[in-house]
Structures are given as C-alpha cells and as structure tokens.
C-alpha cells in the first residue's frame, strides 16, 4: 500500500509540474482545488485499467477455448468417419 501511495504522489507531482509548465497562469487559479477530486479521478483510471486488463485476459482465454473446442470437434468428426 505504501508503494501505491508513493507512486500516486509521484504521478500527482508530475501532473502538477506539467500543468505549471503548460499553463502557468491558469494553474494558479486551480491550485487550491480539492485533492480528493484528483484521487477519485486516479481511482477511476486505475479501475478502468484493471477492467481493461481483465476483459483482455477473458478475451484471450475465450479465443483459446474456441480454438481447442474446434480442434476437438474436428478430431471427433474424423473419428466418426
């Protein structure tokens, strides 16, 4: 959990430095924004990434299963002949 917090802190500081570099005047206005908002966006991003990984894994498993089932079906049909 500690590594996760440090990586989130690094990402947050990276985002802040880039915002300052890109828009030095507009960022001053948003400097006192609630950090909880940023955290919730980070969590949404992490959950989305996790869901994408899970879906990708499921798709790979499903495609392999289809290939295996098709192979078994072909072998069985040869034995039936």
PDB file of N, CA and C in Angstrom:
ATOM      1  N   UNK A   1       0.839  -1.204   0.000  1.00  0.00           N
ATOM      2  CA  UNK A   1       0.000   0.000   0.000  1.00  0.00           C
ATOM      3  C   UNK A   1       0.873   1.254   0.000  1.00  0.00           C
ATOM      4  N   UNK A   2       2.013   1.152   0.672  1.00  0.00           N
ATOM      5  CA  UNK A   2       2.909   2.302   0.762  1.00  0.00           C
ATOM      6  C   UNK A   2       3.491   2.639  -0.610  1.00  0.00           C
ATOM      7  N   UNK A   3       3.829   1.600  -1.389  1.00  0.00           N
ATOM      8  CA  UNK A   3       4.364   1.819  -2.743  1.00  0.00           C
ATOM      9  C   UNK A   3       3.320   2.461  -3.642  1.00  0.00           C
ATOM     10  N   UNK A   4       2.058   2.037  -3.458  1.00  0.00           N
ATOM     11  CA  UNK A   4       0.961   2.596  -4.249  1.00  0.00           C
ATOM     12  C   UNK A   4       0.802   4.085  -3.958  1.00  0.00           C
ATOM     13  N   UNK A   5       0.869   4.437  -2.669  1.00  0.00           N
ATOM     14  CA  UNK A   5       0.735   5.846  -2.282  1.00  0.00           C
ATOM     15  C   UNK A   5       1.874   6.681  -2.849  1.00  0.00           C
ATOM     16  N   UNK A   6       3.097   6.144  -2.798  1.00  0.00           N
ATOM     17  CA  UNK A   6       4.233   6.912  -3.326  1.00  0.00           C
ATOM     18  C   UNK A   6       4.138   7.077  -4.836  1.00  0.00           C
ATOM     19  N   UNK A   7       3.681   6.032  -5.538  1.00  0.00           N
ATOM     20  CA  UNK A   7       3.548   6.154  -6.993  1.00  0.00           C
ATOM     21  C   UNK A   7       2.458   7.156  -7.351  1.00  0.00           C
ATOM     22  N   UNK A   8       1.359   7.158  -6.571  1.00  0.00           N
ATOM     23  CA  UNK A   8       0.295   8.135  -6.810  1.00  0.00           C
ATOM     24  C   UNK A   8       0.805   9.548  -6.557  1.00  0.00           C
ATOM     25  N   UNK A   9       1.623   9.692  -5.512  1.00  0.00           N
ATOM     26  CA  UNK A   9       2.185  11.000  -5.185  1.00  0.00           C
ATOM     27  C   UNK A   9       3.125  11.466  -6.296  1.00  0.00           C
ATOM     28  N   UNK A  10       3.904  10.552  -6.840  1.00  0.00           N
ATOM     29  CA  UNK A  10       4.812  10.892  -7.945  1.00  0.00           C
ATOM     30  C   UNK A  10       4.027  11.316  -9.179  1.00  0.00           C
ATOM     31  N   UNK A  11       2.953  10.579  -9.482  1.00  0.00           N
ATOM     32  CA  UNK A  11       2.114  10.928 -10.629  1.00  0.00           C
ATOM     33  C   UNK A  11       1.493  12.297 -10.434  1.00  0.00           C
ATOM     34  N   UNK A  12       1.023  12.548  -9.206  1.00  0.00           N
ATOM     35  CA  UNK A  12       0.370  13.813  -8.906  1.00  0.00           C
ATOM     36  C   UNK A  12       1.346  14.978  -9.078  1.00  0.00           C
ATOM     37  N   UNK A  13       2.578  14.805  -8.568  1.00  0.00           N
ATOM     38  CA  UNK A  13       3.570  15.877  -8.692  1.00  0.00           C
ATOM     39  C   UNK A  13       3.978  16.069 -10.153  1.00  0.00           C
ATOM     40  N   UNK A  14       4.041  14.966 -10.905  1.00  0.00           N
ATOM     41  CA  UNK A  14       4.364  15.035 -12.337  1.00  0.00           C
ATOM     42  C   UNK A  14       3.291  15.814 -13.085  1.00  0.00           C
ATOM     43  N   UNK A  15       2.025  15.506 -12.777  1.00  0.00           N
ATOM     44  CA  UNK A  15       0.900  16.201 -13.415  1.00  0.00           C
ATOM     45  C   UNK A  15       0.948  17.688 -13.067  1.00  0.00           C
ATOM     46  N   UNK A  16       1.205  17.986 -11.785  1.00  0.00           N
ATOM     47  CA  UNK A  16       1.252  19.386 -11.346  1.00  0.00           C
ATOM     48  C   UNK A  16       2.370  20.141 -12.054  1.00  0.00           C
ATOM     49  N   UNK A  17       3.554  19.521 -12.161  1.00  0.00           N
ATOM     50  CA  UNK A  17       4.681  20.203 -12.809  1.00  0.00           C
ATOM     51  C   UNK A  17       4.390  20.453 -14.288  1.00  0.00           C
ATOM     52  N   UNK A  18       3.730  19.496 -14.939  1.00  0.00           N
ATOM     53  CA  UNK A  18       3.399  19.678 -16.352  1.00  0.00           C
ATOM     54  C   UNK A  18       2.318  20.727 -16.549  1.00  0.00           C
ATOM     55  N   UNK A  19       1.361  20.761 -15.616  1.00  0.00           N
ATOM     56  CA  UNK A  19       0.332  21.798 -15.706  1.00  0.00           C
ATOM     57  C   UNK A  19       0.962  23.172 -15.525  1.00  0.00           C
ATOM     58  N   UNK A  20       1.910  23.262 -14.592  1.00  0.00           N
ATOM     59  CA  UNK A  20       2.600  24.532 -14.366  1.00  0.00           C
ATOM     60  C   UNK A  20       3.414  24.932 -15.592  1.00  0.00           C
ATOM     61  N   UNK A  21       4.030  23.955 -16.242  1.00  0.00           N
ATOM     62  CA  UNK A  21       4.848  24.245 -17.421  1.00  0.00           C
ATOM     63  C   UNK A  21       3.982  24.680 -18.601  1.00  0.00           C
ATOM     64  N   UNK A  22       2.808  24.050 -18.740  1.00  0.00           N
ATOM     65  CA  UNK A  22       1.950  24.356 -19.879  1.00  0.00           C
ATOM     66  C   UNK A  22       1.141  25.638 -19.665  1.00  0.00           C
ATOM     67  N   UNK A  23       0.514  25.733 -18.496  1.00  0.00           N
ATOM     68  CA  UNK A  23      -0.357  26.881 -18.216  1.00  0.00           C
ATOM     69  C   UNK A  23      -0.008  27.488 -16.855  1.00  0.00           C
ATOM     70  N   UNK A  24       1.053  28.289 -16.802  1.00  0.00           N
ATOM     71  CA  UNK A  24       1.463  28.835 -15.500  1.00  0.00           C
ATOM     72  C   UNK A  24       0.424  29.777 -14.888  1.00  0.00           C
ATOM     73  N   UNK A  25      -0.364  30.454 -15.724  1.00  0.00           N
ATOM     74  CA  UNK A  25      -1.340  31.404 -15.167  1.00  0.00           C
ATOM     75  C   UNK A  25      -2.635  30.706 -14.762  1.00  0.00           C
ATOM     76  N   UNK A  26      -3.089  29.757 -15.574  1.00  0.00           N
ATOM     77  CA  UNK A  26      -4.369  29.110 -15.267  1.00  0.00           C
ATOM     78  C   UNK A  26      -4.242  28.160 -14.085  1.00  0.00           C
ATOM     79  N   UNK A  27      -3.040  27.603 -13.863  1.00  0.00           N
ATOM     80  CA  UNK A  27      -2.895  26.643 -12.778  1.00  0.00           C
ATOM     81  C   UNK A  27      -2.976  27.311 -11.412  1.00  0.00           C
ATOM     82  N   UNK A  28      -2.517  28.570 -11.336  1.00  0.00           N
ATOM     83  CA  UNK A  28      -2.583  29.296 -10.059  1.00  0.00           C
ATOM     84  C   UNK A  28      -4.019  29.390  -9.567  1.00  0.00           C
ATOM     85  N   UNK A  29      -4.935  29.507 -10.498  1.00  0.00           N
ATOM     86  CA  UNK A  29      -6.351  29.611 -10.146  1.00  0.00           C
ATOM     87  C   UNK A  29      -6.857  28.307  -9.528  1.00  0.00           C
ATOM     88  N   UNK A  30      -6.346  27.175 -10.012  1.00  0.00           N
ATOM     89  CA  UNK A  30      -6.835  25.868  -9.552  1.00  0.00           C
ATOM     90  C   UNK A  30      -5.946  25.251  -8.472  1.00  0.00           C
ATOM     91  N   UNK A  31      -4.997  26.028  -7.962  1.00  0.00           N
ATOM     92  CA  UNK A  31      -4.031  25.464  -7.019  1.00  0.00           C
ATOM     93  C   UNK A  31      -4.703  24.948  -5.751  1.00  0.00           C
ATOM     94  N   UNK A  32      -5.749  25.633  -5.280  1.00  0.00           N
ATOM     95  CA  UNK A  32      -6.396  25.245  -4.023  1.00  0.00           C
ATOM     96  C   UNK A  32      -7.598  24.340  -4.252  1.00  0.00           C
ATOM     97  N   UNK A  33      -7.588  23.610  -5.359  1.00  0.00           N
ATOM     98  CA  UNK A  33      -8.690  22.683  -5.605  1.00  0.00           C
ATOM     99  C   UNK A  33      -8.564  21.486  -4.665  1.00  0.00           C
ATOM    100  N   UNK A  34      -9.681  20.815  -4.466  1.00  0.00           N
ATOM    101  CA  UNK A  34      -9.735  19.710  -3.520  1.00  0.00           C
ATOM    102  C   UNK A  34      -8.910  18.535  -4.040  1.00  0.00           C
ATOM    103  N   UNK A  35      -7.925  18.045  -3.271  1.00  0.00           N
ATOM    104  CA  UNK A  35      -7.112  16.913  -3.744  1.00  0.00           C
ATOM    105  C   UNK A  35      -7.900  15.603  -3.842  1.00  0.00           C
ATOM    106  N   UNK A  36      -9.038  15.530  -3.137  1.00  0.00           N
ATOM    107  CA  UNK A  36      -9.878  14.323  -3.176  1.00  0.00           C
ATOM    108  C   UNK A  36     -10.405  14.101  -4.592  1.00  0.00           C
ATOM    109  N   UNK A  37     -10.674  15.189  -5.301  1.00  0.00           N
ATOM    110  CA  UNK A  37     -11.171  15.090  -6.677  1.00  0.00           C
ATOM    111  C   UNK A  37     -10.136  14.381  -7.547  1.00  0.00           C
ATOM    112  N   UNK A  38      -8.880  14.778  -7.388  1.00  0.00           N
ATOM    113  CA  UNK A  38      -7.794  14.161  -8.150  1.00  0.00           C
ATOM    114  C   UNK A  38      -7.678  12.679  -7.808  1.00  0.00           C
ATOM    115  N   UNK A  39      -7.807  12.368  -6.506  1.00  0.00           N
ATOM    116  CA  UNK A  39      -7.742  10.973  -6.077  1.00  0.00           C
ATOM    117  C   UNK A  39      -8.848  10.146  -6.717  1.00  0.00           C
ATOM    118  N   UNK A  40     -10.063  10.697  -6.744  1.00  0.00           N
ATOM    119  CA  UNK A  40     -11.175   9.936  -7.316  1.00  0.00           C
ATOM    120  C   UNK A  40     -10.948   9.703  -8.808  1.00  0.00           C
ATOM    121  N   UNK A  41     -10.403  10.703  -9.497  1.00  0.00           N
ATOM    122  CA  UNK A  41     -10.093  10.520 -10.924  1.00  0.00           C
ATOM    123  C   UNK A  41      -9.026   9.442 -11.102  1.00  0.00           C
ATOM    124  N   UNK A  42      -8.028   9.441 -10.211  1.00  0.00           N
ATOM    125  CA  UNK A  42      -6.977   8.423 -10.286  1.00  0.00           C
ATOM    126  C   UNK A  42      -7.556   7.031 -10.065  1.00  0.00           C
ATOM    127  N   UNK A  43      -8.469   6.927  -9.093  1.00  0.00           N
ATOM    128  CA  UNK A  43      -9.092   5.625  -8.827  1.00  0.00           C
ATOM    129  C   UNK A  43      -9.908   5.162 -10.028  1.00  0.00           C
ATOM    130  N   UNK A  44     -10.637   6.084 -10.646  1.00  0.00           N
ATOM    131  CA  UNK A  44     -11.428   5.745 -11.839  1.00  0.00           C
ATOM    132  C   UNK A  44     -10.500   5.232 -12.942  1.00  0.00           C
ATOM    133  N   UNK A  45      -9.372   5.900 -13.119  1.00  0.00           N
ATOM    134  CA  UNK A  45      -8.397   5.479 -14.121  1.00  0.00           C
ATOM    135  C   UNK A  45      -7.835   4.103 -13.840  1.00  0.00           C
ATOM    136  N   UNK A  46      -7.524   3.849 -12.555  1.00  0.00           N
ATOM    137  CA  UNK A  46      -6.970   2.556 -12.167  1.00  0.00           C
ATOM    138  C   UNK A  46      -7.998   1.448 -12.356  1.00  0.00           C
ATOM    139  N   UNK A  47      -9.249   1.715 -11.978  1.00  0.00           N
ATOM    140  CA  UNK A  47     -10.318   0.722 -12.126  1.00  0.00           C
ATOM    141  C   UNK A  47     -10.554   0.423 -13.603  1.00  0.00           C
ATOM    142  N   UNK A  48     -10.530   1.479 -14.428  1.00  0.00           N
ATOM    143  CA  UNK A  48     -10.715   1.298 -15.875  1.00  0.00           C
ATOM    144  C   UNK A  48      -9.594   0.441 -16.457  1.00  0.00           C
ATOM    145  N   UNK A  49      -8.364   0.715 -16.036  1.00  0.00           N
ATOM    146  CA  UNK A  49      -7.220  -0.080 -16.492  1.00  0.00           C
ATOM    147  C   UNK A  49      -7.363  -1.531 -16.076  1.00  0.00           C
ATOM    148  N   UNK A  50      -7.783  -1.736 -14.819  1.00  0.00           N
ATOM    149  CA  UNK A  50      -7.962  -3.090 -14.294  1.00  0.00           C
ATOM    150  C   UNK A  50      -9.027  -3.830 -15.087  1.00  0.00           C
ATOM    151  N   UNK A  51     -10.152  -3.143 -15.351  1.00  0.00           N
ATOM    152  CA  UNK A  51     -11.239  -3.749 -16.128  1.00  0.00           C
ATOM    153  C   UNK A  51     -10.770  -4.105 -17.531  1.00  0.00           C
ATOM    154  N   UNK A  52      -9.981  -3.227 -18.140  1.00  0.00           N
ATOM    155  CA  UNK A  52      -9.471  -3.487 -19.488  1.00  0.00           C
ATOM    156  C   UNK A  52      -8.569  -4.720 -19.490  1.00  0.00           C
ATOM    157  N   UNK A  53      -7.719  -4.833 -18.451  1.00  0.00           N
ATOM    158  CA  UNK A  53      -6.826  -5.995 -18.356  1.00  0.00           C
ATOM    159  C   UNK A  53      -7.631  -7.277 -18.177  1.00  0.00           C
ATOM    160  N   UNK A  54      -8.656  -7.225 -17.310  1.00  0.00           N
ATOM    161  CA  UNK A  54      -9.497  -8.404 -17.060  1.00  0.00           C
ATOM    162  C   UNK A  54     -10.224  -8.811 -18.338  1.00  0.00           C
ATOM    163  N   UNK A  55     -10.794  -7.826 -19.041  1.00  0.00           N
ATOM    164  CA  UNK A  55     -11.513  -8.123 -20.281  1.00  0.00           C
ATOM    165  C   UNK A  55     -10.586  -8.698 -21.344  1.00  0.00           C
ATOM    166  N   UNK A  56      -9.381  -8.152 -21.426  1.00  0.00           N
ATOM    167  CA  UNK A  56      -8.396  -8.656 -22.387  1.00  0.00           C
ATOM    168  C   UNK A  56      -8.022 -10.103 -22.070  1.00  0.00           C
ATOM    169  N   UNK A  57      -7.816 -10.383 -20.780  1.00  0.00           N
ATOM    170  CA  UNK A  57      -7.489 -11.747 -20.354  1.00  0.00           C
ATOM    171  C   UNK A  57      -8.625 -12.699 -20.674  1.00  0.00           C
ATOM    172  N   UNK A  58      -9.854 -12.273 -20.384  1.00  0.00           N
ATOM    173  CA  UNK A  58     -11.023 -13.107 -20.678  1.00  0.00           C
ATOM    174  C   UNK A  58     -11.156 -13.364 -22.179  1.00  0.00           C
ATOM    175  N   UNK A  59     -10.881 -12.339 -22.979  1.00  0.00           N
ATOM    176  CA  UNK A  59     -10.959 -12.490 -24.436  1.00  0.00           C
ATOM    177  C   UNK A  59      -9.916 -13.492 -24.934  1.00  0.00           C
ATOM    178  N   UNK A  60      -8.705 -13.410 -24.368  1.00  0.00           N
ATOM    179  CA  UNK A  60      -7.648 -14.356 -24.753  1.00  0.00           C
ATOM    180  C   UNK A  60      -8.026 -15.784 -24.375  1.00  0.00           C
ATOM    181  N   UNK A  61      -8.562 -15.952 -23.154  1.00  0.00           N
ATOM    182  CA  UNK A  61      -8.982 -17.285 -22.698  1.00  0.00           C
ATOM    183  C   UNK A  61     -10.092 -17.815 -23.595  1.00  0.00           C
ATOM    184  N   UNK A  62     -11.065 -16.946 -23.912  1.00  0.00           N
ATOM    185  CA  UNK A  62     -12.196 -17.360 -24.751  1.00  0.00           C
ATOM    186  C   UNK A  62     -11.719 -17.777 -26.140  1.00  0.00           C
ATOM    187  N   UNK A  63     -10.791 -17.017 -26.713  1.00  0.00           N
ATOM    188  CA  UNK A  63     -10.306 -17.351 -28.057  1.00  0.00           C
ATOM    189  C   UNK A  63      -9.550 -18.679 -28.050  1.00  0.00           C
ATOM    190  N   UNK A  64      -8.772 -18.909 -26.989  1.00  0.00           N
ATOM    191  CA  UNK A  64      -8.055 -20.184 -26.877  1.00  0.00           C
ATOM    192  C   UNK A  64      -9.031 -21.338 -26.711  1.00  0.00           C
ATOM    193  N   UNK A  65     -10.066 -21.118 -25.908  1.00  0.00           N
ATOM    194  CA  UNK A  65     -11.081 -22.154 -25.702  1.00  0.00           C
ATOM    195  C   UNK A  65     -11.782 -22.503 -27.010  1.00  0.00           C
ATOM    196  N   UNK A  66     -12.089 -21.480 -27.793  1.00  0.00           N
ATOM    197  CA  UNK A  66     -12.758 -21.704 -29.084  1.00  0.00           C
ATOM    198  C   UNK A  66     -11.868 -22.549 -29.997  1.00  0.00           C
ATOM    199  N   UNK A  67     -10.575 -22.235 -30.020  1.00  0.00           N
ATOM    200  CA  UNK A  67      -9.631 -22.996 -30.849  1.00  0.00           C
ATOM    201  C   UNK A  67      -9.564 -24.451 -30.383  1.00  0.00           C
ATOM    202  N   UNK A  68      -9.495 -24.653 -29.066  1.00  0.00           N
ATOM    203  CA  UNK A  68      -9.418 -26.014 -28.509  1.00  0.00           C
ATOM    204  C   UNK A  68     -10.687 -26.793 -28.820  1.00  0.00           C
ATOM    205  N   UNK A  69     -11.848 -26.160 -28.631  1.00  0.00           N
ATOM    206  CA  UNK A  69     -13.133 -26.822 -28.908  1.00  0.00           C
ATOM    207  C   UNK A  69     -13.243 -27.174 -30.394  1.00  0.00           C
ATOM    208  N   UNK A  70     -12.822 -26.254 -31.259  1.00  0.00           N
ATOM    209  CA  UNK A  70     -12.864 -26.514 -32.705  1.00  0.00           C
ATOM    210  C   UNK A  70     -11.947 -27.683 -33.064  1.00  0.00           C
ATOM    211  N   UNK A  71     -10.770 -27.724 -32.454  1.00  0.00           N
ATOM    212  CA  UNK A  71      -9.819 -28.810 -32.706  1.00  0.00           C
ATOM    213  C   UNK A  71     -10.403 -30.153 -32.271  1.00  0.00           C
ATOM    214  N   UNK A  72     -11.001 -30.182 -31.073  1.00  0.00           N
ATOM    215  CA  UNK A  72     -11.631 -31.413 -30.568  1.00  0.00           C
ATOM    216  C   UNK A  72     -12.762 -31.842 -31.504  1.00  0.00           C
ATOM    217  N   UNK A  73     -13.547 -30.872 -31.944  1.00  0.00           N
ATOM    218  CA  UNK A  73     -14.671 -31.165 -32.844  1.00  0.00           C
ATOM    219  C   UNK A  73     -14.175 -31.782 -34.156  1.00  0.00           C
ATOM    220  N   UNK A  74     -13.091 -31.228 -34.704  1.00  0.00           N
ATOM    221  CA  UNK A  74     -12.514 -31.744 -35.958  1.00  0.00           C
ATOM    222  C   UNK A  74     -11.990 -33.168 -35.758  1.00  0.00           C
ATOM    223  N   UNK A  75     -11.277 -33.386 -34.651  1.00  0.00           N
ATOM    224  CA  UNK A  75     -10.726 -34.717 -34.359  1.00  0.00           C
ATOM    225  C   UNK A  75     -11.856 -35.729 -34.200  1.00  0.00           C
ATOM    226  N   UNK A  76     -12.909 -35.353 -33.461  1.00  0.00           N
ATOM    227  CA  UNK A  76     -14.045 -36.258 -33.255  1.00  0.00           C
ATOM    228  C   UNK A  76     -14.769 -36.556 -34.566  1.00  0.00           C
ATOM    229  N   UNK A  77     -14.878 -35.558 -35.430  1.00  0.00           N
ATOM    230  CA  UNK A  77     -15.551 -35.781 -36.712  1.00  0.00           C
ATOM    231  C   UNK A  77     -14.738 -36.724 -37.602  1.00  0.00           C
ATOM    232  N   UNK A  78     -13.388 -36.662 -37.497  1.00  0.00           N
ATOM    233  CA  UNK A  78     -12.551 -37.604 -38.240  1.00  0.00           C
ATOM    234  C   UNK A  78     -12.733 -39.026 -37.724  1.00  0.00           C
ATOM    235  N   UNK A  79     -12.863 -39.153 -36.393  1.00  0.00           N
ATOM    236  CA  UNK A  79     -13.087 -40.482 -35.809  1.00  0.00           C
ATOM    237  C   UNK A  79     -14.462 -41.029 -36.180  1.00  0.00           C
ATOM    238  N   UNK A  80     -15.426 -40.131 -36.341  1.00  0.00           N
ATOM    239  CA  UNK A  80     -16.785 -40.554 -36.702  1.00  0.00           C
ATOM    240  C   UNK A  80     -16.804 -41.122 -38.120  1.00  0.00           C
ATOM    241  N   UNK A  81     -15.928 -40.589 -38.978  1.00  0.00           N
ATOM    242  CA  UNK A  81     -15.848 -41.098 -40.354  1.00  0.00           C
ATOM    243  C   UNK A  81     -15.135 -42.439 -40.333  1.00  0.00           C
TER     244      UNK A  81
END
